[in-house]
């Protein structure tokens, strides 16, 4: 099954190669051109309390590749023009989220684990945490 094209600017699906046999499955992600950047940081979300959200911000510079390791969640994407929601529920596909995309993760299934591969080291000044400020800066980039 192929995923529909995302309408949010700067976002795309990445197919994660893998193999399967009677013992189970294995997937692997090389840090090559397919990823689109050299990873600088990894972090993971787990033990998320019921009804909680993660994210709810955008980045000025960071590219993120987000993949589910266990469970499922919904990812809300907004580039200042287009908004859409997608489901992460397959460890064989990852979601690339580019700069100036507001993103929020919600609706976590029990025992969900999300891995994020980031193109930058953590820098609070690089985050856009106010939605109205995000929309103003994103609009300025669309000219």
C-alpha atoms as a PDB file:
ATOM      1  CA  UNK A   1       0.000   0.000   0.000  1.00  0.00           C
ATOM      2  CA  UNK A   2       1.347   3.451  -0.851  1.00  0.00           C
ATOM      3  CA  UNK A   3       0.780   6.499   1.280  1.00  0.00           C
ATOM      4  CA  UNK A   4      -0.970   9.484  -0.248  1.00  0.00           C
ATOM      5  CA  UNK A   5       1.174  12.517  -0.970  1.00  0.00           C
ATOM      6  CA  UNK A   6       1.263  14.900   1.947  1.00  0.00           C
ATOM      7  CA  UNK A   7      -0.100  18.392   1.327  1.00  0.00           C
ATOM      8  CA  UNK A   8       1.979  20.017   4.074  1.00  0.00           C
ATOM      9  CA  UNK A   9       5.025  21.752   2.603  1.00  0.00           C
ATOM     10  CA  UNK A  10       8.301  20.226   3.796  1.00  0.00           C
ATOM     11  CA  UNK A  11       6.789  16.886   4.833  1.00  0.00           C
ATOM     12  CA  UNK A  12       7.141  13.489   3.176  1.00  0.00           C
ATOM     13  CA  UNK A  13       6.906   9.790   3.934  1.00  0.00           C
ATOM     14  CA  UNK A  14      10.089   7.711   4.020  1.00  0.00           C
ATOM     15  CA  UNK A  15       9.864   3.960   3.447  1.00  0.00           C
ATOM     16  CA  UNK A  16      12.076   2.107   5.930  1.00  0.00           C
ATOM     17  CA  UNK A  17      13.599  -1.006   4.348  1.00  0.00           C
ATOM     18  CA  UNK A  18      13.393  -4.284   6.172  1.00  0.00           C
ATOM     19  CA  UNK A  19      13.237  -8.037   6.009  1.00  0.00           C
ATOM     20  CA  UNK A  20      10.981 -10.673   7.486  1.00  0.00           C
ATOM     21  CA  UNK A  21      11.109 -14.412   8.041  1.00  0.00           C
ATOM     22  CA  UNK A  22       9.528 -16.904  10.421  1.00  0.00           C
ATOM     23  CA  UNK A  23      11.422 -15.328  13.352  1.00  0.00           C
ATOM     24  CA  UNK A  24       9.942 -11.866  12.849  1.00  0.00           C
ATOM     25  CA  UNK A  25      10.836  -8.597  11.194  1.00  0.00           C
ATOM     26  CA  UNK A  26      13.776  -6.223  11.172  1.00  0.00           C
ATOM     27  CA  UNK A  27      13.882  -2.692   9.756  1.00  0.00           C
ATOM     28  CA  UNK A  28      16.926  -0.491   9.283  1.00  0.00           C
ATOM     29  CA  UNK A  29      17.526   3.127   8.423  1.00  0.00           C
ATOM     30  CA  UNK A  30      20.830   4.202   6.910  1.00  0.00           C
ATOM     31  CA  UNK A  31      21.930   7.770   7.499  1.00  0.00           C
ATOM     32  CA  UNK A  32      22.255   8.456   3.781  1.00  0.00           C
ATOM     33  CA  UNK A  33      20.635  10.632   1.111  1.00  0.00           C
ATOM     34  CA  UNK A  34      17.235   9.031   1.797  1.00  0.00           C
ATOM     35  CA  UNK A  35      17.166  10.639   5.250  1.00  0.00           C
ATOM     36  CA  UNK A  36      17.973  14.039   3.726  1.00  0.00           C
ATOM     37  CA  UNK A  37      20.293  15.308   6.480  1.00  0.00           C
ATOM     38  CA  UNK A  38      23.097  14.277   8.803  1.00  0.00           C
ATOM     39  CA  UNK A  39      21.587  13.339  12.195  1.00  0.00           C
ATOM     40  CA  UNK A  40      22.763  15.395  15.159  1.00  0.00           C
ATOM     41  CA  UNK A  41      20.340  14.202  17.857  1.00  0.00           C
ATOM     42  CA  UNK A  42      18.012  11.309  18.691  1.00  0.00           C
ATOM     43  CA  UNK A  43      15.220  11.377  21.230  1.00  0.00           C
ATOM     44  CA  UNK A  44      12.245   9.168  21.973  1.00  0.00           C
ATOM     45  CA  UNK A  45       8.834   9.596  23.540  1.00  0.00           C
ATOM     46  CA  UNK A  46       7.438   6.869  25.781  1.00  0.00           C
ATOM     47  CA  UNK A  47       5.199   6.325  28.809  1.00  0.00           C
ATOM     48  CA  UNK A  48       2.936   9.124  27.591  1.00  0.00           C
ATOM     49  CA  UNK A  49       0.041   9.641  29.971  1.00  0.00           C
ATOM     50  CA  UNK A  50      -3.459   9.043  28.544  1.00  0.00           C
ATOM     51  CA  UNK A  51      -4.943  12.117  26.877  1.00  0.00           C
ATOM     52  CA  UNK A  52      -1.609  13.963  26.649  1.00  0.00           C
ATOM     53  CA  UNK A  53       0.061  15.562  23.632  1.00  0.00           C
ATOM     54  CA  UNK A  54       3.662  16.129  22.564  1.00  0.00           C
ATOM     55  CA  UNK A  55       5.189  18.675  20.221  1.00  0.00           C
ATOM     56  CA  UNK A  56       2.841  21.596  19.657  1.00  0.00           C
ATOM     57  CA  UNK A  57       5.598  23.714  18.126  1.00  0.00           C
ATOM     58  CA  UNK A  58       7.566  24.348  14.945  1.00  0.00           C
ATOM     59  CA  UNK A  59      11.262  24.733  14.182  1.00  0.00           C
ATOM     60  CA  UNK A  60      13.152  27.400  12.281  1.00  0.00           C
ATOM     61  CA  UNK A  61      15.957  25.059  11.185  1.00  0.00           C
ATOM     62  CA  UNK A  62      15.435  21.475  12.343  1.00  0.00           C
ATOM     63  CA  UNK A  63      14.416  18.631  10.113  1.00  0.00           C
ATOM     64  CA  UNK A  64      12.842  15.728  12.019  1.00  0.00           C
ATOM     65  CA  UNK A  65      12.303  12.141  10.967  1.00  0.00           C
ATOM     66  CA  UNK A  66       9.659  10.632  13.223  1.00  0.00           C
ATOM     67  CA  UNK A  67       8.928   6.933  13.406  1.00  0.00           C
ATOM     68  CA  UNK A  68       6.853   4.679  15.578  1.00  0.00           C
ATOM     69  CA  UNK A  69       8.662   1.866  17.342  1.00  0.00           C
ATOM     70  CA  UNK A  70       5.610   0.546  19.182  1.00  0.00           C
ATOM     71  CA  UNK A  71       1.944   1.491  19.269  1.00  0.00           C
ATOM     72  CA  UNK A  72       0.430   4.343  17.286  1.00  0.00           C
ATOM     73  CA  UNK A  73      -0.318   8.050  17.416  1.00  0.00           C
ATOM     74  CA  UNK A  74      -1.727  10.827  15.288  1.00  0.00           C
ATOM     75  CA  UNK A  75       0.495  13.636  13.949  1.00  0.00           C
ATOM     76  CA  UNK A  76      -1.110  16.991  13.128  1.00  0.00           C
ATOM     77  CA  UNK A  77       0.849  19.015  10.560  1.00  0.00           C
ATOM     78  CA  UNK A  78       0.433  22.695   9.643  1.00  0.00           C
ATOM     79  CA  UNK A  79       2.718  24.707   7.344  1.00  0.00           C
ATOM     80  CA  UNK A  80       0.743  27.948   7.741  1.00  0.00           C
ATOM     81  CA  UNK A  81      -1.289  27.199   4.611  1.00  0.00           C
ATOM     82  CA  UNK A  82      -2.186  23.500   4.624  1.00  0.00           C
ATOM     83  CA  UNK A  83      -3.229  21.430   7.626  1.00  0.00           C
ATOM     84  CA  UNK A  84      -3.531  17.668   7.771  1.00  0.00           C
ATOM     85  CA  UNK A  85      -3.396  14.789  10.237  1.00  0.00           C
ATOM     86  CA  UNK A  86      -1.680  11.463   9.619  1.00  0.00           C
ATOM     87  CA  UNK A  87      -1.335   8.312  11.672  1.00  0.00           C
ATOM     88  CA  UNK A  88       2.012   6.808  12.647  1.00  0.00           C
ATOM     89  CA  UNK A  89       1.373   3.106  13.189  1.00  0.00           C
ATOM     90  CA  UNK A  90       3.891   1.286  10.998  1.00  0.00           C
ATOM     91  CA  UNK A  91       7.578   0.894  11.961  1.00  0.00           C
ATOM     92  CA  UNK A  92       8.354   0.460   8.247  1.00  0.00           C
ATOM     93  CA  UNK A  93       7.535   4.083   7.426  1.00  0.00           C
ATOM     94  CA  UNK A  94       8.775   7.348   8.849  1.00  0.00           C
ATOM     95  CA  UNK A  95       7.512  10.902   8.590  1.00  0.00           C
ATOM     96  CA  UNK A  96       9.952  13.650   7.610  1.00  0.00           C
ATOM     97  CA  UNK A  97       8.899  17.021   9.080  1.00  0.00           C
ATOM     98  CA  UNK A  98      10.797  20.005   7.688  1.00  0.00           C
ATOM     99  CA  UNK A  99      11.401  23.462   9.172  1.00  0.00           C
ATOM    100  CA  UNK A 100       8.437  25.796   9.612  1.00  0.00           C
ATOM    101  CA  UNK A 101       5.937  22.995  10.095  1.00  0.00           C
ATOM    102  CA  UNK A 102       3.844  23.185  13.258  1.00  0.00           C
ATOM    103  CA  UNK A 103       3.436  19.648  14.559  1.00  0.00           C
ATOM    104  CA  UNK A 104       1.553  18.051  17.404  1.00  0.00           C
ATOM    105  CA  UNK A 105       1.343  14.375  18.376  1.00  0.00           C
ATOM    106  CA  UNK A 106      -1.891  13.145  19.970  1.00  0.00           C
ATOM    107  CA  UNK A 107      -4.046  10.061  20.474  1.00  0.00           C
ATOM    108  CA  UNK A 108      -1.263   7.810  21.752  1.00  0.00           C
ATOM    109  CA  UNK A 109      -2.105   4.122  21.987  1.00  0.00           C
ATOM    110  CA  UNK A 110      -0.972   2.412  25.200  1.00  0.00           C
ATOM    111  CA  UNK A 111       2.754   1.612  25.286  1.00  0.00           C
ATOM    112  CA  UNK A 112       3.532   3.811  22.283  1.00  0.00           C
ATOM    113  CA  UNK A 113       7.196   4.599  21.647  1.00  0.00           C
ATOM    114  CA  UNK A 114       8.146   7.284  19.100  1.00  0.00           C
ATOM    115  CA  UNK A 115      11.724   7.822  17.912  1.00  0.00           C
ATOM    116  CA  UNK A 116      12.738  11.201  16.480  1.00  0.00           C
ATOM    117  CA  UNK A 117      15.926  11.792  14.494  1.00  0.00           C
ATOM    118  CA  UNK A 118      16.833  15.503  14.386  1.00  0.00           C
ATOM    119  CA  UNK A 119      19.163  17.436  12.094  1.00  0.00           C
ATOM    120  CA  UNK A 120      20.215  19.868  14.849  1.00  0.00           C
ATOM    121  CA  UNK A 121      21.317  19.846  18.445  1.00  0.00           C
ATOM    122  CA  UNK A 122      18.798  21.196  20.952  1.00  0.00           C
ATOM    123  CA  UNK A 123      18.579  25.000  20.894  1.00  0.00           C
ATOM    124  CA  UNK A 124      15.557  26.624  22.526  1.00  0.00           C
ATOM    125  CA  UNK A 125      15.932  29.743  20.328  1.00  0.00           C
ATOM    126  CA  UNK A 126      15.286  27.572  17.272  1.00  0.00           C
ATOM    127  CA  UNK A 127      11.797  26.567  18.483  1.00  0.00           C
ATOM    128  CA  UNK A 128       8.578  28.375  17.595  1.00  0.00           C
ATOM    129  CA  UNK A 129       6.280  27.675  20.554  1.00  0.00           C
ATOM    130  CA  UNK A 130       3.693  30.439  19.997  1.00  0.00           C
ATOM    131  CA  UNK A 131       1.299  29.513  17.184  1.00  0.00           C
ATOM    132  CA  UNK A 132       0.588  33.108  16.137  1.00  0.00           C
ATOM    133  CA  UNK A 133       4.327  33.874  15.919  1.00  0.00           C
ATOM    134  CA  UNK A 134       4.790  30.654  13.942  1.00  0.00           C
ATOM    135  CA  UNK A 135       2.099  31.684  11.446  1.00  0.00           C
ATOM    136  CA  UNK A 136       3.703  35.128  10.959  1.00  0.00           C
ATOM    137  CA  UNK A 137       7.185  33.678  10.367  1.00  0.00           C
ATOM    138  CA  UNK A 138       5.873  30.873   8.140  1.00  0.00           C
ATOM    139  CA  UNK A 139       3.885  33.393   6.047  1.00  0.00           C
ATOM    140  CA  UNK A 140       7.050  35.446   5.551  1.00  0.00           C
ATOM    141  CA  UNK A 141       8.808  32.395   4.122  1.00  0.00           C
ATOM    142  CA  UNK A 142       6.051  31.744   1.554  1.00  0.00           C
ATOM    143  CA  UNK A 143       6.674  34.952  -0.384  1.00  0.00           C
END
